């Protein structure tokens, strides 16, 4: 199954790390696409909370029920927030955990609908 990862307000370094993350996750999922966040539905949003656009992307994704990995100065939620100086390995674990959270939430919602 293809995974659609969107990003907002990431530094060039974190953007490159997110692309590396997608390449690593490509073996777990048929296809992983990384693109800029535009407010449309996706599987996960990775956004930096240091500016208004990143905050807006986080708020909108949460309101849409989309899992979010927040890039911040003070990570407080393991695998849901990461430090701006995070490693690619830790970012990959956070993204994978968020994808799995989204998949189990979707399955739960589908079960409730039947």
Protein backbone atom coordinates (compact mmCIF):
# COMPACT_ATOMS: atom_id res chain seq x y z
CA UNK A 1 0.00 0.00 0.00
CA UNK A 2 1.34 3.45 -0.91
CA UNK A 3 2.02 5.95 1.87
CA UNK A 4 1.62 9.70 1.38
CA UNK A 5 3.90 11.72 3.67
CA UNK A 6 3.55 15.51 3.65
CA UNK A 7 5.88 18.06 5.22
CA UNK A 8 5.67 21.70 6.26
CA UNK A 9 8.32 24.21 7.36
CA UNK A 10 11.20 21.73 7.46
CA UNK A 11 14.82 22.82 7.15
CA UNK A 12 16.75 21.53 4.13
CA UNK A 13 18.53 19.01 6.37
CA UNK A 14 15.28 17.63 7.80
CA UNK A 15 13.72 17.54 4.34
CA UNK A 16 16.65 15.40 3.12
CA UNK A 17 16.27 13.18 6.20
CA UNK A 18 12.57 12.76 5.47
CA UNK A 19 13.37 11.67 1.91
CA UNK A 20 15.89 9.17 3.32
CA UNK A 21 13.18 7.99 5.72
CA UNK A 22 10.80 7.44 2.80
CA UNK A 23 13.48 5.43 1.00
CA UNK A 24 14.00 3.27 4.09
CA UNK A 25 10.25 2.75 4.51
CA UNK A 26 9.88 1.86 0.84
CA UNK A 27 10.79 -1.72 1.74
CA UNK A 28 7.93 -1.88 4.27
CA UNK A 29 5.32 -0.29 2.00
CA UNK A 30 4.88 -0.61 -1.76
CA UNK A 31 5.46 3.07 -2.34
CA UNK A 32 6.19 6.06 -0.14
CA UNK A 33 5.68 9.56 -1.54
CA UNK A 34 7.02 12.71 0.12
CA UNK A 35 5.60 16.08 -0.90
CA UNK A 36 4.84 19.51 0.51
CA UNK A 37 1.76 19.76 2.69
CA UNK A 38 -1.18 21.39 0.93
CA UNK A 39 -4.03 20.68 3.32
CA UNK A 40 -5.44 17.75 1.37
CA UNK A 41 -5.82 14.27 2.92
CA UNK A 42 -2.63 12.26 3.42
CA UNK A 43 -1.27 9.51 5.66
CA UNK A 44 1.01 11.62 7.86
CA UNK A 45 2.26 15.18 8.28
CA UNK A 46 5.78 16.04 9.47
CA UNK A 47 5.94 19.71 10.43
CA UNK A 48 8.15 22.14 12.33
CA UNK A 49 6.32 24.17 14.95
CA UNK A 50 8.77 27.08 14.83
CA UNK A 51 6.70 29.19 12.44
CA UNK A 52 3.05 29.96 11.80
CA UNK A 53 2.78 27.81 8.65
CA UNK A 54 4.12 24.75 10.46
CA UNK A 55 1.78 25.39 13.38
CA UNK A 56 -1.14 25.74 10.96
CA UNK A 57 -0.23 22.45 9.22
CA UNK A 58 -0.05 20.67 12.59
CA UNK A 59 -3.36 22.11 13.77
CA UNK A 60 -5.13 21.31 10.51
CA UNK A 61 -3.79 17.76 10.34
CA UNK A 62 -4.81 17.07 13.94
CA UNK A 63 -8.31 18.41 13.22
CA UNK A 64 -8.49 16.11 10.16
CA UNK A 65 -7.38 13.11 12.22
CA UNK A 66 -4.08 12.81 10.34
CA UNK A 67 -1.13 11.55 12.42
CA UNK A 68 1.55 14.20 12.93
CA UNK A 69 5.24 14.12 13.78
CA UNK A 70 6.14 17.51 15.25
CA UNK A 71 9.66 18.86 14.84
CA UNK A 72 10.32 21.05 17.87
CA UNK A 73 12.91 22.41 20.29
CA UNK A 74 11.36 20.50 23.18
CA UNK A 75 10.12 17.06 22.12
CA UNK A 76 7.72 15.81 24.74
CA UNK A 77 5.85 12.91 23.18
CA UNK A 78 8.04 9.94 22.19
CA UNK A 79 7.65 9.03 18.52
CA UNK A 80 5.26 11.96 18.01
CA UNK A 81 7.70 14.81 18.42
CA UNK A 82 11.36 14.97 17.45
CA UNK A 83 14.16 17.42 18.08
CA UNK A 84 15.32 19.61 15.20
CA UNK A 85 18.71 17.86 15.45
CA UNK A 86 17.24 14.37 15.31
CA UNK A 87 18.92 11.50 13.52
CA UNK A 88 17.48 9.93 10.38
CA UNK A 89 17.02 6.69 12.33
CA UNK A 90 14.91 8.36 15.02
CA UNK A 91 12.90 10.32 12.44
CA UNK A 92 12.25 7.05 10.60
CA UNK A 93 10.99 5.37 13.79
CA UNK A 94 8.72 8.35 14.53
CA UNK A 95 7.29 8.39 11.00
CA UNK A 96 6.73 4.62 11.01
CA UNK A 97 5.00 4.80 14.41
CA UNK A 98 2.73 7.59 13.15
CA UNK A 99 1.87 5.63 9.99
CA UNK A 100 1.01 2.58 12.09
CA UNK A 101 -1.11 4.73 14.41
CA UNK A 102 -2.99 6.09 11.41
CA UNK A 103 -3.53 2.61 9.97
CA UNK A 104 -4.90 1.22 13.23
CA UNK A 105 -7.17 4.28 13.66
CA UNK A 106 -8.51 3.76 10.13
CA UNK A 107 -9.15 0.09 10.79
CA UNK A 108 -10.89 0.96 14.07
CA UNK A 109 -13.08 3.56 12.33
CA UNK A 110 -13.97 1.08 9.57
CA UNK A 111 -14.91 -1.49 12.20
CA UNK A 112 -17.16 1.05 13.96
CA UNK A 113 -18.87 1.89 10.66
CA UNK A 114 -19.98 -1.73 10.09
